[in-house]
Amino acid sequence: MRCPYCASLDDKVIESRTMVNGESIRRRRECLSCGYRFTSYERIDEKPFMVVKRDGRRQPFDATKLEKGIDRALEKRPVPTLLVEQLTNSIEDDAIKLGKEAHEITTAQLGELVLEKLYSIDKVAYIRFASVYRHFETVEEFITEVKNIENRGAETGTKGKTNE
């Protein structure tokens, strides 16, 4: 490390200390050329997890934005707030696993993860989220999706059940 006093690249570490819950290391150094002592910090420089939008733009993953979308879908539904938080955390974990290699996930993949989780919790919230996510523009699209839920429910023996 370059000495801030004489610009020499020769130094030795006198002391190292882990800081901030192990997220960084503080090192006291001494320049071997001039004897000046200085402090350096070492942190992991993680690549941010990104979401690829439909138009190709990339933006950092935002769990708060995800939670707002889920909250909107579950508005006035009998689902505990704690479950919403657990659902958001679970979706975030799944998204990071799914996009682990590239450090990114598409909005399509993220939307499908949300729909999968909402389907198992509340069918009304599922329809609400699907209508926005899939851009329903006609009543027929709603009806088709509701019929898909009913057909899926008939196959699994949960026809028409919601969390009421």
C-alpha atoms as a PDB file:
ATOM      1  CA  MET A   1       0.000   0.000   0.000  1.00  0.00           C
ATOM      2  CA  ARG A   2       1.276   3.467  -0.887  1.00  0.00           C
ATOM      3  CA  CYS A   3       2.376   5.572   2.076  1.00  0.00           C
ATOM      4  CA  PRO A   4       0.288   8.776   2.233  1.00  0.00           C
ATOM      5  CA  TYR A   5       3.354  10.695   3.514  1.00  0.00           C
ATOM      6  CA  CYS A   6       6.255   9.660   1.228  1.00  0.00           C
ATOM      7  CA  ALA A   7       4.462   7.580  -1.481  1.00  0.00           C
ATOM      8  CA  SER A   8       6.675   4.546  -0.878  1.00  0.00           C
ATOM      9  CA  LEU A   9       5.084   1.144  -1.573  1.00  0.00           C
ATOM     10  CA  ASP A  10       6.994  -0.647   1.206  1.00  0.00           C
ATOM     11  CA  ASP A  11       5.079  -1.041   4.470  1.00  0.00           C
ATOM     12  CA  LYS A  12       4.322  -3.593   7.127  1.00  0.00           C
ATOM     13  CA  VAL A  13       1.109  -4.373   8.959  1.00  0.00           C
ATOM     14  CA  ILE A  14       1.441  -3.675  12.685  1.00  0.00           C
ATOM     15  CA  GLU A  15      -2.087  -4.623  13.764  1.00  0.00           C
ATOM     16  CA  SER A  16      -5.260  -6.036  12.144  1.00  0.00           C
ATOM     17  CA  ARG A  17      -8.708  -5.802  13.670  1.00  0.00           C
ATOM     18  CA  THR A  18     -12.078  -7.059  12.383  1.00  0.00           C
ATOM     19  CA  MET A  19     -14.676  -4.311  12.284  1.00  0.00           C
ATOM     20  CA  VAL A  20     -18.460  -3.982  11.759  1.00  0.00           C
ATOM     21  CA  ASN A  21     -19.618  -7.554  12.341  1.00  0.00           C
ATOM     22  CA  GLY A  22     -16.803  -8.977  10.266  1.00  0.00           C
ATOM     23  CA  GLU A  23     -17.664  -6.906   7.196  1.00  0.00           C
ATOM     24  CA  SER A  24     -14.371  -5.036   7.159  1.00  0.00           C
ATOM     25  CA  ILE A  25     -10.829  -5.213   8.510  1.00  0.00           C
ATOM     26  CA  ARG A  26      -8.912  -2.259   9.938  1.00  0.00           C
ATOM     27  CA  ARG A  27      -5.150  -2.461   9.503  1.00  0.00           C
ATOM     28  CA  ARG A  28      -2.531  -0.250  11.170  1.00  0.00           C
ATOM     29  CA  ARG A  29       0.508   0.024   8.900  1.00  0.00           C
ATOM     30  CA  GLU A  30       3.993   1.447   9.161  1.00  0.00           C
ATOM     31  CA  CYS A  31       5.949   2.706   6.154  1.00  0.00           C
ATOM     32  CA  LEU A  32       9.343   0.963   5.977  1.00  0.00           C
ATOM     33  CA  SER A  33      10.903   3.967   4.197  1.00  0.00           C
ATOM     34  CA  CYS A  34       9.886   6.884   6.442  1.00  0.00           C
ATOM     35  CA  GLY A  35       8.328   5.238   9.534  1.00  0.00           C
ATOM     36  CA  TYR A  36       4.966   7.017   9.083  1.00  0.00           C
ATOM     37  CA  ARG A  37       2.021   5.101  10.552  1.00  0.00           C
ATOM     38  CA  PHE A  38      -1.365   5.036   8.847  1.00  0.00           C
ATOM     39  CA  THR A  39      -4.618   3.076   8.815  1.00  0.00           C
ATOM     40  CA  SER A  40      -6.216   1.206   5.923  1.00  0.00           C
ATOM     41  CA  TYR A  41      -9.577  -0.556   5.675  1.00  0.00           C
ATOM     42  CA  GLU A  42     -10.381  -3.675   3.697  1.00  0.00           C
ATOM     43  CA  ARG A  43     -13.948  -4.520   2.605  1.00  0.00           C
ATOM     44  CA  ILE A  44     -15.513  -7.026   0.239  1.00  0.00           C
ATOM     45  CA  ASP A  45     -16.600  -5.291  -2.939  1.00  0.00           C
ATOM     46  CA  GLU A  46     -19.680  -7.289  -3.868  1.00  0.00           C
ATOM     47  CA  LYS A  47     -21.291  -7.041  -7.258  1.00  0.00           C
ATOM     48  CA  PRO A  48     -24.857  -5.799  -6.704  1.00  0.00           C
ATOM     49  CA  PHE A  49     -27.751  -8.146  -7.527  1.00  0.00           C
ATOM     50  CA  MET A  50     -29.606  -6.673 -10.505  1.00  0.00           C
ATOM     51  CA  VAL A  51     -33.088  -6.961 -12.006  1.00  0.00           C
ATOM     52  CA  VAL A  52     -33.326  -6.897 -15.810  1.00  0.00           C
ATOM     53  CA  LYS A  53     -36.445  -4.998 -16.888  1.00  0.00           C
ATOM     54  CA  ARG A  54     -38.540  -5.903 -19.942  1.00  0.00           C
ATOM     55  CA  ASP A  55     -36.928  -3.122 -21.980  1.00  0.00           C
ATOM     56  CA  GLY A  56     -33.427  -4.384 -21.117  1.00  0.00           C
ATOM     57  CA  ARG A  57     -32.594  -1.776 -18.474  1.00  0.00           C
ATOM     58  CA  ARG A  58     -30.922  -3.061 -15.324  1.00  0.00           C
ATOM     59  CA  GLN A  59     -31.528  -1.759 -11.829  1.00  0.00           C
ATOM     60  CA  PRO A  60     -30.458  -2.955  -8.377  1.00  0.00           C
ATOM     61  CA  PHE A  61     -32.768  -5.469  -6.696  1.00  0.00           C
ATOM     62  CA  ASP A  62     -34.983  -3.649  -4.190  1.00  0.00           C
ATOM     63  CA  ALA A  63     -36.691  -5.832  -1.564  1.00  0.00           C
ATOM     64  CA  THR A  64     -38.784  -2.830  -0.454  1.00  0.00           C
ATOM     65  CA  LYS A  65     -40.257  -2.498  -3.942  1.00  0.00           C
ATOM     66  CA  LEU A  66     -40.996  -6.227  -3.988  1.00  0.00           C
ATOM     67  CA  GLU A  67     -42.689  -6.013  -0.589  1.00  0.00           C
ATOM     68  CA  LYS A  68     -44.854  -3.066  -1.744  1.00  0.00           C
ATOM     69  CA  GLY A  69     -46.098  -5.088  -4.721  1.00  0.00           C
ATOM     70  CA  ILE A  70     -46.927  -8.049  -2.498  1.00  0.00           C
ATOM     71  CA  ASP A  71     -48.594  -5.741   0.064  1.00  0.00           C
ATOM     72  CA  ARG A  72     -50.745  -4.241  -2.695  1.00  0.00           C
ATOM     73  CA  ALA A  73     -51.842  -7.690  -3.858  1.00  0.00           C
ATOM     74  CA  LEU A  74     -52.642  -8.760  -0.277  1.00  0.00           C
ATOM     75  CA  GLU A  75     -54.402  -5.512   0.665  1.00  0.00           C
ATOM     76  CA  LYS A  76     -57.529  -6.182   2.787  1.00  0.00           C
ATOM     77  CA  ARG A  77     -56.853  -9.917   2.672  1.00  0.00           C
ATOM     78  CA  PRO A  78     -56.665 -12.052   5.850  1.00  0.00           C
ATOM     79  CA  VAL A  79     -52.903 -12.533   5.691  1.00  0.00           C
ATOM     80  CA  PRO A  80     -50.707 -11.629   8.694  1.00  0.00           C
ATOM     81  CA  THR A  81     -48.050  -8.941   8.225  1.00  0.00           C
ATOM     82  CA  LEU A  82     -45.371 -11.343   9.451  1.00  0.00           C
ATOM     83  CA  LEU A  83     -46.255 -13.718   6.606  1.00  0.00           C
ATOM     84  CA  VAL A  84     -45.758 -10.904   4.075  1.00  0.00           C
ATOM     85  CA  GLU A  85     -42.260 -10.286   5.463  1.00  0.00           C
ATOM     86  CA  GLN A  86     -41.452 -14.015   5.379  1.00  0.00           C
ATOM     87  CA  LEU A  87     -42.817 -14.245   1.840  1.00  0.00           C
ATOM     88  CA  THR A  88     -40.660 -11.319   0.700  1.00  0.00           C
ATOM     89  CA  ASN A  89     -37.547 -12.831   2.304  1.00  0.00           C
ATOM     90  CA  SER A  90     -38.278 -16.216   0.749  1.00  0.00           C
ATOM     91  CA  ILE A  91     -38.742 -14.700  -2.728  1.00  0.00           C
ATOM     92  CA  GLU A  92     -35.549 -12.659  -2.338  1.00  0.00           C
ATOM     93  CA  ASP A  93     -33.611 -15.808  -1.352  1.00  0.00           C
ATOM     94  CA  ASP A  94     -35.072 -17.767  -4.282  1.00  0.00           C
ATOM     95  CA  ALA A  95     -34.300 -14.915  -6.697  1.00  0.00           C
ATOM     96  CA  ILE A  96     -30.676 -14.737  -5.559  1.00  0.00           C
ATOM     97  CA  LYS A  97     -30.319 -18.525  -5.924  1.00  0.00           C
ATOM     98  CA  LEU A  98     -31.880 -18.399  -9.381  1.00  0.00           C
ATOM     99  CA  GLY A  99     -29.659 -15.545 -10.565  1.00  0.00           C
ATOM    100  CA  LYS A 100     -26.526 -16.597  -8.698  1.00  0.00           C
ATOM    101  CA  GLU A 101     -24.241 -17.040 -11.720  1.00  0.00           C
ATOM    102  CA  ALA A 102     -24.995 -13.748 -13.483  1.00  0.00           C
ATOM    103  CA  HIS A 103     -25.889 -11.707 -10.346  1.00  0.00           C
ATOM    104  CA  GLU A 104     -29.157 -10.783 -12.036  1.00  0.00           C
ATOM    105  CA  ILE A 105     -32.719 -11.966 -12.580  1.00  0.00           C
ATOM    106  CA  THR A 106     -35.317 -10.920 -15.130  1.00  0.00           C
ATOM    107  CA  THR A 107     -38.574  -9.305 -14.069  1.00  0.00           C
ATOM    108  CA  ALA A 108     -40.332 -12.277 -15.730  1.00  0.00           C
ATOM    109  CA  GLN A 109     -38.521 -14.763 -13.466  1.00  0.00           C
ATOM    110  CA  LEU A 110     -39.127 -12.593 -10.404  1.00  0.00           C
ATOM    111  CA  GLY A 111     -42.814 -12.187 -11.243  1.00  0.00           C
ATOM    112  CA  GLU A 112     -43.234 -15.953 -11.627  1.00  0.00           C
ATOM    113  CA  LEU A 113     -41.603 -16.501  -8.225  1.00  0.00           C
ATOM    114  CA  VAL A 114     -44.076 -14.056  -6.641  1.00  0.00           C
ATOM    115  CA  LEU A 115     -47.052 -15.647  -8.403  1.00  0.00           C
ATOM    116  CA  GLU A 116     -45.997 -19.129  -7.293  1.00  0.00           C
ATOM    117  CA  LYS A 117     -45.815 -18.029  -3.641  1.00  0.00           C
ATOM    118  CA  LEU A 118     -49.043 -16.000  -3.761  1.00  0.00           C
ATOM    119  CA  TYR A 119     -50.926 -18.907  -5.354  1.00  0.00           C
ATOM    120  CA  SER A 120     -50.185 -21.070  -2.319  1.00  0.00           C
ATOM    121  CA  ILE A 121     -51.212 -18.322   0.134  1.00  0.00           C
ATOM    122  CA  ASP A 122     -54.188 -16.459  -1.323  1.00  0.00           C
ATOM    123  CA  LYS A 123     -55.874 -16.893  -4.718  1.00  0.00           C
ATOM    124  CA  VAL A 124     -57.363 -13.387  -4.726  1.00  0.00           C
ATOM    125  CA  ALA A 125     -53.925 -11.856  -4.142  1.00  0.00           C
ATOM    126  CA  TYR A 126     -52.585 -14.115  -6.892  1.00  0.00           C
ATOM    127  CA  ILE A 127     -55.167 -12.730  -9.366  1.00  0.00           C
ATOM    128  CA  ARG A 128     -54.470  -9.140  -8.275  1.00  0.00           C
ATOM    129  CA  PHE A 129     -50.728  -9.538  -8.763  1.00  0.00           C
ATOM    130  CA  ALA A 130     -51.158 -11.457 -12.042  1.00  0.00           C
ATOM    131  CA  SER A 131     -53.431  -8.748 -13.444  1.00  0.00           C
ATOM    132  CA  VAL A 132     -50.714  -6.127 -13.007  1.00  0.00           C
ATOM    133  CA  TYR A 133     -47.724  -8.350 -13.757  1.00  0.00           C
ATOM    134  CA  ARG A 134     -49.258  -9.910 -16.885  1.00  0.00           C
ATOM    135  CA  HIS A 135     -50.921  -6.633 -17.975  1.00  0.00           C
ATOM    136  CA  PHE A 136     -54.520  -7.878 -18.129  1.00  0.00           C
ATOM    137  CA  GLU A 137     -56.441  -5.477 -20.329  1.00  0.00           C
ATOM    138  CA  THR A 138     -59.778  -7.233 -20.794  1.00  0.00           C
ATOM    139  CA  VAL A 139     -62.321  -9.012 -18.616  1.00  0.00           C
ATOM    140  CA  GLU A 140     -61.725 -12.169 -20.666  1.00  0.00           C
ATOM    141  CA  GLU A 141     -58.103 -12.264 -19.481  1.00  0.00           C
ATOM    142  CA  PHE A 142     -59.298 -12.152 -15.851  1.00  0.00           C
ATOM    143  CA  ILE A 143     -61.866 -14.885 -16.514  1.00  0.00           C
ATOM    144  CA  THR A 144     -59.282 -17.099 -18.207  1.00  0.00           C
ATOM    145  CA  GLU A 145     -56.881 -16.734 -15.272  1.00  0.00           C
ATOM    146  CA  VAL A 146     -59.635 -17.486 -12.724  1.00  0.00           C
ATOM    147  CA  LYS A 147     -60.589 -20.590 -14.717  1.00  0.00           C
ATOM    148  CA  ASN A 148     -56.943 -21.641 -14.723  1.00  0.00           C
ATOM    149  CA  ILE A 149     -56.935 -21.364 -10.931  1.00  0.00           C
ATOM    150  CA  GLU A 150     -60.138 -23.408 -10.700  1.00  0.00           C
ATOM    151  CA  ASN A 151     -58.716 -26.058 -13.042  1.00  0.00           C
ATOM    152  CA  ARG A 152     -55.448 -26.170 -11.104  1.00  0.00           C
ATOM    153  CA  GLY A 153     -57.429 -26.445  -7.868  1.00  0.00           C
ATOM    154  CA  ALA A 154     -59.517 -29.318  -9.259  1.00  0.00           C
ATOM    155  CA  GLU A 155     -56.306 -31.186 -10.086  1.00  0.00           C
ATOM    156  CA  THR A 156     -54.929 -30.754  -6.560  1.00  0.00           C
ATOM    157  CA  GLY A 157     -58.220 -30.992  -4.662  1.00  0.00           C
ATOM    158  CA  THR A 158     -58.238 -27.347  -3.518  1.00  0.00           C
ATOM    159  CA  LYS A 159     -60.857 -25.983  -5.899  1.00  0.00           C
ATOM    160  CA  GLY A 160     -62.048 -22.500  -5.004  1.00  0.00           C
ATOM    161  CA  LYS A 161     -60.328 -22.396  -1.615  1.00  0.00           C
ATOM    162  CA  THR A 162     -58.869 -19.125  -0.364  1.00  0.00           C
ATOM    163  CA  ASN A 163     -57.630 -17.943   3.017  1.00  0.00           C
ATOM    164  CA  GLU A 164     -60.930 -16.625   4.300  1.00  0.00           C
END
